[in-house]
Amino acid sequence: MGVEIERKYLADRPELEPAAPAGERILQGYVALGPKEVRLRRHGERCFLTVKEGSGLVRTELEVELSAEQFTELWPATDGARLEKTRTPVPLGPTTAYLDVYAGPLQGLRTVEVEFDSPAEAEAFEPPAWFGEEITGQDRYRNQALAVRGSSAP
């Protein structure tokens, strides 16, 4: 099981965003919710089952690639806990930011995530001007919460 070290922000300043190529559509649904979540994701043509545990800056993560057939078989189990977004990678110095623009009931919500190799690297990170408020660890902005309740952002 690996570790995910990530900070998440609102992306509510699109006028300041750097130009980036078109993103890729993501379908995401949850089989199990809570402190240990089980997620299905179709990202382009690739499909994954991911188990994540914990909250905040550092979480454990186990990801297994699925066939399209396996994804299709499991997808009905996510009914009532799904979201759709377009993810665009944006180069950010030595790392990459991932801009997520949500669709459907979450239309209008935009977030940006940055993954790091260590907690120290994450703590030292200075977000660029186009990042909005930091929402790392805020339960209402976790994708599983967004998938179930929709955006609770003001």
N, C-alpha and C. Protein backbone atom coordinates (compact mmCIF):
# COMPACT_ATOMS: atom_id res chain seq x y z
N MET A 1 0.85 -1.18 0.00
CA MET A 1 0.00 0.00 0.00
C MET A 1 0.89 1.23 0.00
N GLY A 2 0.60 2.16 -0.87
CA GLY A 2 1.39 3.38 -0.98
C GLY A 2 0.83 4.49 -0.12
N VAL A 3 1.49 5.62 -0.17
CA VAL A 3 1.08 6.81 0.58
C VAL A 3 0.84 7.93 -0.42
N GLU A 4 -0.24 8.65 -0.22
CA GLU A 4 -0.56 9.82 -1.03
C GLU A 4 -0.40 11.05 -0.15
N ILE A 5 0.43 11.99 -0.59
CA ILE A 5 0.64 13.25 0.12
C ILE A 5 0.16 14.34 -0.82
N GLU A 6 -0.92 15.02 -0.43
CA GLU A 6 -1.60 15.90 -1.38
C GLU A 6 -2.18 17.11 -0.67
N ARG A 7 -2.10 18.26 -1.34
CA ARG A 7 -2.80 19.46 -0.88
C ARG A 7 -3.82 19.82 -1.95
N LYS A 8 -4.97 20.32 -1.49
CA LYS A 8 -6.09 20.61 -2.39
C LYS A 8 -6.57 22.04 -2.13
N TYR A 9 -6.93 22.72 -3.23
CA TYR A 9 -7.35 24.11 -3.17
C TYR A 9 -8.57 24.32 -4.05
N LEU A 10 -9.33 25.38 -3.76
CA LEU A 10 -10.34 25.82 -4.71
C LEU A 10 -9.60 26.46 -5.88
N ALA A 11 -10.17 26.34 -7.04
CA ALA A 11 -9.62 26.98 -8.25
C ALA A 11 -10.66 27.98 -8.73
N ASP A 12 -10.80 29.04 -7.96
CA ASP A 12 -11.87 30.01 -8.22
C ASP A 12 -11.33 31.31 -8.83
N ARG A 13 -10.16 31.22 -9.45
CA ARG A 13 -9.56 32.39 -10.11
C ARG A 13 -9.15 32.02 -11.54
N PRO A 14 -10.12 31.58 -12.37
CA PRO A 14 -9.77 31.09 -13.71
C PRO A 14 -9.06 32.12 -14.58
N GLU A 15 -9.30 33.38 -14.31
CA GLU A 15 -8.65 34.43 -15.11
C GLU A 15 -7.14 34.45 -14.90
N LEU A 16 -6.66 33.86 -13.80
CA LEU A 16 -5.22 33.82 -13.51
C LEU A 16 -4.55 32.51 -13.91
N GLU A 17 -5.34 31.52 -14.32
CA GLU A 17 -4.79 30.20 -14.64
C GLU A 17 -3.91 30.25 -15.88
N PRO A 18 -2.81 29.52 -15.84
CA PRO A 18 -1.97 29.43 -17.05
C PRO A 18 -2.68 28.62 -18.13
N ALA A 19 -2.32 28.86 -19.36
CA ALA A 19 -2.89 28.07 -20.46
C ALA A 19 -2.43 26.63 -20.33
N ALA A 20 -3.34 25.70 -20.59
CA ALA A 20 -3.02 24.27 -20.50
C ALA A 20 -3.80 23.54 -21.59
N PRO A 21 -3.29 22.39 -22.03
CA PRO A 21 -4.02 21.61 -23.03
C PRO A 21 -5.35 21.11 -22.45
N ALA A 22 -6.22 20.66 -23.31
CA ALA A 22 -7.52 20.14 -22.87
C ALA A 22 -7.32 18.98 -21.91
N GLY A 23 -8.20 18.89 -20.95
CA GLY A 23 -8.12 17.83 -19.95
C GLY A 23 -8.79 16.55 -20.42
N GLU A 24 -8.85 15.60 -19.51
CA GLU A 24 -9.44 14.29 -19.79
C GLU A 24 -10.61 14.04 -18.84
N ARG A 25 -11.67 13.50 -19.36
CA ARG A 25 -12.89 13.23 -18.59
C ARG A 25 -12.64 12.08 -17.62
N ILE A 26 -13.15 12.25 -16.40
CA ILE A 26 -13.07 11.21 -15.37
C ILE A 26 -14.47 10.91 -14.87
N LEU A 27 -14.81 9.62 -14.86
CA LEU A 27 -16.02 9.14 -14.18
C LEU A 27 -15.55 8.47 -12.91
N GLN A 28 -16.16 8.82 -11.79
CA GLN A 28 -15.70 8.30 -10.51
C GLN A 28 -16.92 7.94 -9.67
N GLY A 29 -16.88 6.78 -9.04
CA GLY A 29 -17.96 6.35 -8.16
C GLY A 29 -17.39 5.60 -6.97
N TYR A 30 -18.16 5.55 -5.91
CA TYR A 30 -17.70 4.96 -4.67
C TYR A 30 -18.52 3.72 -4.32
N VAL A 31 -17.81 2.62 -4.08
CA VAL A 31 -18.42 1.36 -3.66
C VAL A 31 -18.57 1.37 -2.15
N ALA A 32 -17.60 1.94 -1.44
CA ALA A 32 -17.64 2.04 0.02
C ALA A 32 -17.19 3.44 0.42
N LEU A 33 -17.89 4.02 1.38
CA LEU A 33 -17.60 5.37 1.85
C LEU A 33 -17.14 5.32 3.30
N GLY A 34 -16.48 6.37 3.73
CA GLY A 34 -16.04 6.45 5.12
C GLY A 34 -14.55 6.63 5.20
N PRO A 35 -13.99 6.35 6.38
CA PRO A 35 -12.54 6.52 6.54
C PRO A 35 -11.73 5.62 5.61
N LYS A 36 -12.31 4.47 5.27
CA LYS A 36 -11.69 3.60 4.27
C LYS A 36 -12.63 3.58 3.07
N GLU A 37 -12.25 4.27 2.01
CA GLU A 37 -13.11 4.38 0.83
C GLU A 37 -12.62 3.45 -0.27
N VAL A 38 -13.58 2.96 -1.03
CA VAL A 38 -13.27 2.13 -2.19
C VAL A 38 -13.89 2.83 -3.39
N ARG A 39 -13.04 3.19 -4.34
CA ARG A 39 -13.45 4.03 -5.47
C ARG A 39 -13.20 3.32 -6.79
N LEU A 40 -14.12 3.53 -7.73
CA LEU A 40 -13.91 3.13 -9.12
C LEU A 40 -13.68 4.40 -9.92
N ARG A 41 -12.76 4.33 -10.87
CA ARG A 41 -12.49 5.51 -11.70
C ARG A 41 -12.17 5.07 -13.11
N ARG A 42 -12.82 5.75 -14.07
CA ARG A 42 -12.46 5.63 -15.48
C ARG A 42 -11.84 6.96 -15.87
N HIS A 43 -10.58 6.91 -16.24
CA HIS A 43 -9.81 8.10 -16.59
C HIS A 43 -9.35 7.89 -18.02
N GLY A 44 -10.06 8.52 -18.96
CA GLY A 44 -9.78 8.24 -20.36
C GLY A 44 -10.20 6.81 -20.66
N GLU A 45 -9.30 6.02 -21.17
CA GLU A 45 -9.59 4.62 -21.49
C GLU A 45 -9.18 3.66 -20.37
N ARG A 46 -8.53 4.19 -19.33
CA ARG A 46 -8.04 3.33 -18.25
C ARG A 46 -9.01 3.32 -17.08
N CYS A 47 -9.12 2.16 -16.43
CA CYS A 47 -10.04 1.97 -15.32
C CYS A 47 -9.27 1.48 -14.08
N PHE A 48 -9.69 1.96 -12.91
CA PHE A 48 -9.00 1.62 -11.67
C PHE A 48 -9.98 1.38 -10.54
N LEU A 49 -9.56 0.54 -9.62
CA LEU A 49 -10.20 0.38 -8.32
C LEU A 49 -9.17 0.85 -7.31
N THR A 50 -9.57 1.78 -6.44
CA THR A 50 -8.63 2.37 -5.48
C THR A 50 -9.22 2.27 -4.08
N VAL A 51 -8.39 1.89 -3.13
CA VAL A 51 -8.75 1.89 -1.71
C VAL A 51 -7.90 2.97 -1.05
N LYS A 52 -8.57 3.93 -0.39
CA LYS A 52 -7.87 5.00 0.32
C LYS A 52 -8.31 4.98 1.78
N GLU A 53 -7.37 5.33 2.65
CA GLU A 53 -7.69 5.38 4.08
C GLU A 53 -7.03 6.60 4.69
N GLY A 54 -7.77 7.25 5.60
CA GLY A 54 -7.26 8.42 6.29
C GLY A 54 -7.86 9.69 5.71
N SER A 55 -7.39 10.81 6.24
CA SER A 55 -7.85 12.11 5.75
C SER A 55 -6.75 13.13 5.95
N GLY A 56 -6.91 14.27 5.32
CA GLY A 56 -5.92 15.32 5.44
C GLY A 56 -4.78 15.19 4.46
N LEU A 57 -3.62 15.64 4.86
CA LEU A 57 -2.46 15.74 3.98
C LEU A 57 -1.91 14.39 3.54
N VAL A 58 -1.86 13.41 4.44
CA VAL A 58 -1.24 12.12 4.15
C VAL A 58 -2.29 11.02 4.30
N ARG A 59 -2.44 10.20 3.24
CA ARG A 59 -3.39 9.10 3.25
C ARG A 59 -2.73 7.88 2.64
N THR A 60 -3.20 6.69 3.04
CA THR A 60 -2.71 5.49 2.38
C THR A 60 -3.57 5.23 1.15
N GLU A 61 -2.96 4.60 0.15
CA GLU A 61 -3.66 4.39 -1.12
C GLU A 61 -3.15 3.11 -1.76
N LEU A 62 -4.10 2.31 -2.22
CA LEU A 62 -3.80 1.10 -2.99
C LEU A 62 -4.63 1.17 -4.26
N GLU A 63 -3.98 1.08 -5.42
CA GLU A 63 -4.69 1.21 -6.69
C GLU A 63 -4.39 0.00 -7.56
N VAL A 64 -5.46 -0.55 -8.15
CA VAL A 64 -5.36 -1.71 -9.02
C VAL A 64 -6.03 -1.37 -10.34
N GLU A 65 -5.34 -1.62 -11.45
CA GLU A 65 -5.95 -1.36 -12.76
C GLU A 65 -6.94 -2.47 -13.09
N LEU A 66 -8.09 -2.07 -13.62
CA LEU A 66 -9.15 -2.99 -14.02
C LEU A 66 -9.30 -3.00 -15.53
N SER A 67 -9.88 -4.06 -16.04
CA SER A 67 -10.27 -4.06 -17.45
C SER A 67 -11.56 -3.24 -17.57
N ALA A 68 -11.87 -2.82 -18.79
CA ALA A 68 -13.12 -2.10 -19.02
C ALA A 68 -14.32 -2.96 -18.63
N GLU A 69 -14.23 -4.25 -18.85
CA GLU A 69 -15.32 -5.16 -18.49
C GLU A 69 -15.51 -5.23 -16.97
N GLN A 70 -14.41 -5.30 -16.24
CA GLN A 70 -14.50 -5.32 -14.78
C GLN A 70 -15.11 -4.03 -14.26
N PHE A 71 -14.68 -2.90 -14.82
CA PHE A 71 -15.24 -1.61 -14.43
C PHE A 71 -16.74 -1.59 -14.66
N THR A 72 -17.17 -2.01 -15.84
CA THR A 72 -18.59 -2.02 -16.19
C THR A 72 -19.39 -2.91 -15.25
N GLU A 73 -18.83 -4.05 -14.87
CA GLU A 73 -19.51 -4.96 -13.94
C GLU A 73 -19.68 -4.33 -12.56
N LEU A 74 -18.67 -3.60 -12.11
CA LEU A 74 -18.70 -3.02 -10.76
C LEU A 74 -19.44 -1.68 -10.68
N TRP A 75 -19.54 -0.96 -11.79
CA TRP A 75 -20.10 0.39 -11.80
C TRP A 75 -21.48 0.50 -11.15
N PRO A 76 -22.42 -0.43 -11.36
CA PRO A 76 -23.72 -0.30 -10.71
C PRO A 76 -23.65 -0.22 -9.18
N ALA A 77 -22.61 -0.76 -8.57
CA ALA A 77 -22.46 -0.71 -7.12
C ALA A 77 -22.19 0.71 -6.61
N THR A 78 -21.90 1.65 -7.52
CA THR A 78 -21.62 3.03 -7.12
C THR A 78 -22.85 3.93 -7.22
N ASP A 79 -23.99 3.37 -7.55
CA ASP A 79 -25.21 4.16 -7.72
C ASP A 79 -25.45 5.02 -6.48
N GLY A 80 -25.66 6.32 -6.69
CA GLY A 80 -25.90 7.25 -5.59
C GLY A 80 -24.63 7.88 -5.04
N ALA A 81 -23.48 7.51 -5.58
CA ALA A 81 -22.21 8.06 -5.09
C ALA A 81 -21.25 8.22 -6.26
N ARG A 82 -21.63 9.08 -7.21
CA ARG A 82 -20.84 9.27 -8.42
C ARG A 82 -20.59 10.74 -8.69
N LEU A 83 -19.52 10.99 -9.45
CA LEU A 83 -19.26 12.34 -9.94
C LEU A 83 -18.55 12.25 -11.27
N GLU A 84 -18.58 13.37 -11.97
CA GLU A 84 -17.90 13.48 -13.25
C GLU A 84 -17.11 14.79 -13.25
N LYS A 85 -15.89 14.71 -13.78
CA LYS A 85 -15.06 15.91 -13.85
C LYS A 85 -14.09 15.79 -15.01
N THR A 86 -13.52 16.92 -15.39
CA THR A 86 -12.46 16.94 -16.38
C THR A 86 -11.19 17.34 -15.64
N ARG A 87 -10.15 16.53 -15.79
CA ARG A 87 -8.87 16.77 -15.11
C ARG A 87 -7.84 17.23 -16.13
N THR A 88 -7.21 18.37 -15.82
CA THR A 88 -6.19 18.94 -16.68
C THR A 88 -4.88 19.06 -15.89
N PRO A 89 -3.82 18.40 -16.35
CA PRO A 89 -2.52 18.60 -15.70
C PRO A 89 -1.93 19.96 -16.09
N VAL A 90 -1.42 20.66 -15.09
CA VAL A 90 -0.82 21.97 -15.31
C VAL A 90 0.59 21.93 -14.73
N PRO A 91 1.63 22.04 -15.57
CA PRO A 91 3.01 22.03 -15.06
C PRO A 91 3.20 23.15 -14.04
N LEU A 92 3.88 22.80 -12.95
CA LEU A 92 4.08 23.75 -11.85
C LEU A 92 5.49 23.54 -11.30
N GLY A 93 6.47 24.13 -11.99
CA GLY A 93 7.85 23.94 -11.57
C GLY A 93 8.22 22.47 -11.63
N PRO A 94 8.76 21.93 -10.52
CA PRO A 94 9.19 20.53 -10.52
C PRO A 94 8.04 19.53 -10.36
N THR A 95 6.84 20.02 -10.17
CA THR A 95 5.69 19.12 -9.96
C THR A 95 4.58 19.47 -10.95
N THR A 96 3.44 18.86 -10.74
CA THR A 96 2.27 19.10 -11.60
C THR A 96 1.06 19.36 -10.72
N ALA A 97 0.28 20.34 -11.09
CA ALA A 97 -1.01 20.58 -10.45
C ALA A 97 -2.07 19.92 -11.32
N TYR A 98 -3.14 19.44 -10.70
CA TYR A 98 -4.23 18.81 -11.43
C TYR A 98 -5.50 19.62 -11.20
N LEU A 99 -5.93 20.29 -12.26
CA LEU A 99 -7.13 21.12 -12.21
C LEU A 99 -8.34 20.25 -12.53
N ASP A 100 -9.29 20.19 -11.60
CA ASP A 100 -10.52 19.42 -11.78
C ASP A 100 -11.69 20.37 -11.94
N VAL A 101 -12.40 20.23 -13.07
CA VAL A 101 -13.60 21.02 -13.35
C VAL A 101 -14.76 20.03 -13.35
N TYR A 102 -15.65 20.19 -12.39
CA TYR A 102 -16.74 19.24 -12.18
C TYR A 102 -17.92 19.52 -13.11
N ALA A 103 -18.66 18.45 -13.40
CA ALA A 103 -19.83 18.53 -14.29
C ALA A 103 -21.07 18.06 -13.54
N GLY A 104 -22.21 18.09 -14.24
CA GLY A 104 -23.46 17.61 -13.65
C GLY A 104 -23.87 18.49 -12.48
N PRO A 105 -24.35 17.88 -11.38
CA PRO A 105 -24.83 18.65 -10.24
C PRO A 105 -23.73 19.50 -9.59
N LEU A 106 -22.49 19.18 -9.85
CA LEU A 106 -21.37 19.93 -9.27
C LEU A 106 -20.83 21.00 -10.22
N GLN A 107 -21.52 21.21 -11.33
CA GLN A 107 -21.11 22.21 -12.33
C GLN A 107 -20.77 23.52 -11.62
N GLY A 108 -19.65 24.09 -11.98
CA GLY A 108 -19.21 25.35 -11.39
C GLY A 108 -18.12 25.17 -10.34
N LEU A 109 -18.04 23.97 -9.76
CA LEU A 109 -16.99 23.70 -8.78
C LEU A 109 -15.70 23.38 -9.52
N ARG A 110 -14.61 24.01 -9.09
CA ARG A 110 -13.29 23.80 -9.67
C ARG A 110 -12.31 23.68 -8.51
N THR A 111 -11.51 22.62 -8.53
CA THR A 111 -10.49 22.43 -7.51
C THR A 111 -9.16 22.13 -8.18
N VAL A 112 -8.09 22.25 -7.42
CA VAL A 112 -6.76 21.93 -7.93
C VAL A 112 -6.01 21.18 -6.83
N GLU A 113 -5.34 20.09 -7.23
CA GLU A 113 -4.60 19.24 -6.30
C GLU A 113 -3.14 19.19 -6.73
N VAL A 114 -2.27 19.08 -5.73
CA VAL A 114 -0.85 18.91 -5.98
C VAL A 114 -0.37 17.78 -5.08
N GLU A 115 0.31 16.79 -5.68
CA GLU A 115 0.86 15.67 -4.92
C GLU A 115 2.34 15.89 -4.68
N PHE A 116 2.82 15.38 -3.54
CA PHE A 116 4.20 15.60 -3.12
C PHE A 116 4.85 14.28 -2.73
N ASP A 117 6.19 14.31 -2.68
CA ASP A 117 6.96 13.12 -2.30
C ASP A 117 7.13 12.99 -0.80
N SER A 118 6.95 14.10 -0.05
CA SER A 118 7.12 14.05 1.40
C SER A 118 6.24 15.10 2.07
N PRO A 119 5.91 14.90 3.34
CA PRO A 119 5.16 15.94 4.06
C PRO A 119 5.93 17.26 4.13
N ALA A 120 7.25 17.18 4.26
CA ALA A 120 8.05 18.41 4.31
C ALA A 120 7.93 19.20 3.01
N GLU A 121 7.97 18.50 1.88
CA GLU A 121 7.81 19.15 0.58
C GLU A 121 6.43 19.80 0.49
N ALA A 122 5.41 19.11 0.97
CA ALA A 122 4.05 19.64 0.95
C ALA A 122 3.93 20.89 1.82
N GLU A 123 4.53 20.84 3.00
CA GLU A 123 4.47 21.99 3.91
C GLU A 123 5.21 23.20 3.35
N ALA A 124 6.27 22.97 2.59
CA ALA A 124 7.07 24.07 2.03
C ALA A 124 6.45 24.68 0.78
N PHE A 125 5.45 24.03 0.22
CA PHE A 125 4.85 24.47 -1.03
C PHE A 125 4.18 25.83 -0.89
N GLU A 126 4.49 26.71 -1.82
CA GLU A 126 3.85 28.03 -1.89
C GLU A 126 2.93 28.03 -3.10
N PRO A 127 1.61 28.06 -2.88
CA PRO A 127 0.69 28.00 -4.02
C PRO A 127 0.78 29.25 -4.89
N PRO A 128 0.64 29.07 -6.20
CA PRO A 128 0.66 30.22 -7.10
C PRO A 128 -0.61 31.06 -6.94
N ALA A 129 -0.59 32.24 -7.51
CA ALA A 129 -1.70 33.21 -7.36
C ALA A 129 -3.03 32.67 -7.88
N TRP A 130 -3.02 31.74 -8.83
CA TRP A 130 -4.29 31.27 -9.38
C TRP A 130 -4.98 30.25 -8.48
N PHE A 131 -4.30 29.76 -7.45
CA PHE A 131 -4.95 28.87 -6.48
C PHE A 131 -5.78 29.73 -5.53
N GLY A 132 -6.94 29.20 -5.14
CA GLY A 132 -7.78 29.87 -4.17
C GLY A 132 -7.53 29.32 -2.77
N GLU A 133 -8.56 29.34 -1.96
CA GLU A 133 -8.49 28.87 -0.57
C GLU A 133 -8.05 27.41 -0.49
N GLU A 134 -7.19 27.10 0.46
CA GLU A 134 -6.80 25.72 0.66
C GLU A 134 -7.93 24.96 1.34
N ILE A 135 -8.24 23.77 0.79
CA ILE A 135 -9.33 22.95 1.32
C ILE A 135 -8.85 21.55 1.70
N THR A 136 -7.54 21.37 1.82
CA THR A 136 -6.98 20.08 2.25
C THR A 136 -7.62 19.68 3.57
N GLY A 137 -8.13 18.47 3.64
CA GLY A 137 -8.69 17.97 4.89
C GLY A 137 -10.10 18.42 5.20
N GLN A 138 -10.69 19.28 4.38
CA GLN A 138 -12.08 19.70 4.62
C GLN A 138 -13.01 18.63 4.05
N ASP A 139 -13.70 17.95 4.93
CA ASP A 139 -14.53 16.82 4.52
C ASP A 139 -15.53 17.16 3.43
N ARG A 140 -16.09 18.35 3.44
CA ARG A 140 -17.12 18.68 2.44
C ARG A 140 -16.56 18.74 1.02
N TYR A 141 -15.22 18.86 0.88
CA TYR A 141 -14.60 18.89 -0.45
C TYR A 141 -13.94 17.58 -0.82
N ARG A 142 -14.06 16.56 0.03
CA ARG A 142 -13.54 15.25 -0.36
C ARG A 142 -14.42 14.73 -1.49
N ASN A 143 -13.82 14.08 -2.46
CA ASN A 143 -14.58 13.62 -3.62
C ASN A 143 -15.71 12.68 -3.23
N GLN A 144 -15.53 11.85 -2.19
CA GLN A 144 -16.61 10.96 -1.79
C GLN A 144 -17.80 11.76 -1.28
N ALA A 145 -17.57 12.86 -0.56
CA ALA A 145 -18.67 13.70 -0.09
C ALA A 145 -19.35 14.41 -1.26
N LEU A 146 -18.54 14.89 -2.20
CA LEU A 146 -19.11 15.55 -3.37
C LEU A 146 -19.94 14.58 -4.19
N ALA A 147 -19.50 13.34 -4.29
CA ALA A 147 -20.21 12.33 -5.06
C ALA A 147 -21.58 12.02 -4.46
N VAL A 148 -21.70 12.08 -3.15
CA VAL A 148 -22.96 11.73 -2.48
C VAL A 148 -23.88 12.94 -2.35
N ARG A 149 -23.35 14.06 -1.88
CA ARG A 149 -24.19 15.20 -1.54
C ARG A 149 -24.19 16.31 -2.56
N GLY A 150 -23.25 16.29 -3.48
CA GLY A 150 -23.11 17.42 -4.39
C GLY A 150 -22.30 18.50 -3.69
N SER A 151 -22.07 19.58 -4.37
CA SER A 151 -21.22 20.64 -3.84
C SER A 151 -21.90 21.36 -2.69
N SER A 152 -21.18 21.47 -1.58
CA SER A 152 -21.67 22.29 -0.48
C SER A 152 -20.91 23.59 -0.41
N ALA A 153 -20.17 23.86 -1.47
CA ALA A 153 -19.42 25.11 -1.52
C ALA A 153 -20.38 26.29 -1.61
N PRO A 154 -20.05 27.39 -0.97
CA PRO A 154 -20.95 28.57 -1.04
C PRO A 154 -21.04 29.13 -2.43
